[in-house]
Amino acid sequence: MHTERGDVHEHCACLRRRKGYRLRAENLSRERGYAVECAYDGAQALALLESRDISLVLMDIMMPVMDGISAMVKIRERSNVPP
């Protein structure tokens, strides 16, 4: 799936704590036309999602500061996107 629209890319948030998994997810997302933004813990993830228009989120469940499940609950509280 190629998501590029002219000069604009869809943005993907890669929220992973482990470097190997994060790099793999970043590369796969870029190959599919996404501009990738990264965060390394749940609190950074929330800040990133509030500051950017993100189309896709790849999130680790076990992250420091705030785990992925807690972060997703907070994202769902603030989002109007259907589950």
Protein backbone atom coordinates (compact mmCIF):
# COMPACT_ATOMS: atom_id res chain seq x y z
CA MET A 1 0.00 0.00 0.00
CA HIS A 2 1.55 3.27 -1.09
CA THR A 3 0.12 6.22 0.82
CA GLU A 4 2.08 9.06 -0.72
CA ARG A 5 -0.08 11.96 -1.96
CA GLY A 6 2.09 14.30 -3.98
CA ASP A 7 4.71 15.67 -1.59
CA VAL A 8 2.68 14.76 1.50
CA HIS A 9 3.11 11.47 3.31
CA GLU A 10 0.84 9.82 5.81
CA HIS A 11 2.52 9.76 9.21
CA CYS A 12 3.16 6.60 11.17
CA ALA A 13 4.03 6.63 14.87
CA CYS A 14 6.47 3.90 15.83
CA LEU A 15 6.24 3.53 19.59
CA ARG A 16 8.69 0.80 20.51
CA ARG A 17 11.27 0.49 23.27
CA ARG A 18 13.46 -2.18 21.65
CA LYS A 19 15.76 -0.87 18.96
CA GLY A 20 15.66 -3.96 16.71
CA TYR A 21 11.86 -4.08 16.55
CA ARG A 22 11.67 -0.30 16.17
CA LEU A 23 14.10 -0.28 13.23
CA ARG A 24 12.21 -3.11 11.52
CA ALA A 25 8.86 -1.31 11.97
CA GLU A 26 10.38 1.98 10.77
CA ASN A 27 11.83 0.38 7.63
CA LEU A 28 8.61 -1.44 6.74
CA SER A 29 6.58 1.73 7.26
CA ARG A 30 8.93 3.85 5.13
CA GLU A 31 8.86 1.23 2.36
CA ARG A 32 5.10 1.67 2.29
CA GLY A 33 5.35 5.45 1.95
CA TYR A 34 4.88 6.58 5.55
CA ALA A 35 6.86 9.35 7.19
CA VAL A 36 7.87 7.79 10.51
CA GLU A 37 7.95 9.49 13.91
CA CYS A 38 9.33 7.61 16.94
CA ALA A 39 8.73 7.67 20.67
CA TYR A 40 10.40 5.45 23.24
CA ASP A 41 7.91 5.45 26.13
CA GLY A 42 4.19 5.95 26.68
CA ALA A 43 4.45 9.58 27.79
CA GLN A 44 6.46 10.50 24.68
CA ALA A 45 3.88 8.61 22.61
CA LEU A 46 1.04 10.77 23.93
CA ALA A 47 2.99 13.97 23.30
CA LEU A 48 3.84 12.83 19.76
CA LEU A 49 0.24 11.92 18.94
CA GLU A 50 -0.99 15.30 20.22
CA SER A 51 1.54 17.22 18.12
CA ARG A 52 1.20 15.40 14.77
CA ASP A 53 -1.52 14.15 12.47
CA ILE A 54 -0.79 10.41 12.74
CA SER A 55 -2.52 7.87 10.47
CA LEU A 56 -1.02 4.66 11.86
CA VAL A 57 0.28 3.72 15.31
CA LEU A 58 2.62 0.78 15.93
CA MET A 59 2.91 0.49 19.70
CA ASP A 60 4.74 -1.80 22.10
CA ILE A 61 2.67 -2.90 25.09
CA MET A 62 5.64 -3.00 27.49
CA MET A 63 7.12 0.51 27.45
CA PRO A 64 8.71 2.49 30.29
CA VAL A 65 7.06 5.48 32.04
CA MET A 66 3.58 4.50 30.77
CA ASP A 67 2.82 1.10 29.27
CA GLY A 68 1.25 0.76 25.84
CA ILE A 69 -2.17 -0.28 27.15
CA SER A 70 -2.44 2.77 29.43
CA ALA A 71 -1.23 5.00 26.61
CA MET A 72 -3.81 3.52 24.22
CA VAL A 73 -6.62 4.10 26.75
CA LYS A 74 -5.60 7.77 26.97
CA ILE A 75 -5.34 8.02 23.17
CA ARG A 76 -8.84 6.54 22.79
CA GLU A 77 -10.21 9.05 25.35
CA ARG A 78 -8.86 11.94 23.24
CA SER A 79 -9.62 10.55 19.80
CA ASN A 80 -12.77 10.65 17.73
CA VAL A 81 -11.55 7.87 15.44
CA PRO A 82 -13.64 4.70 15.70
CA PRO A 83 -11.89 1.69 17.26
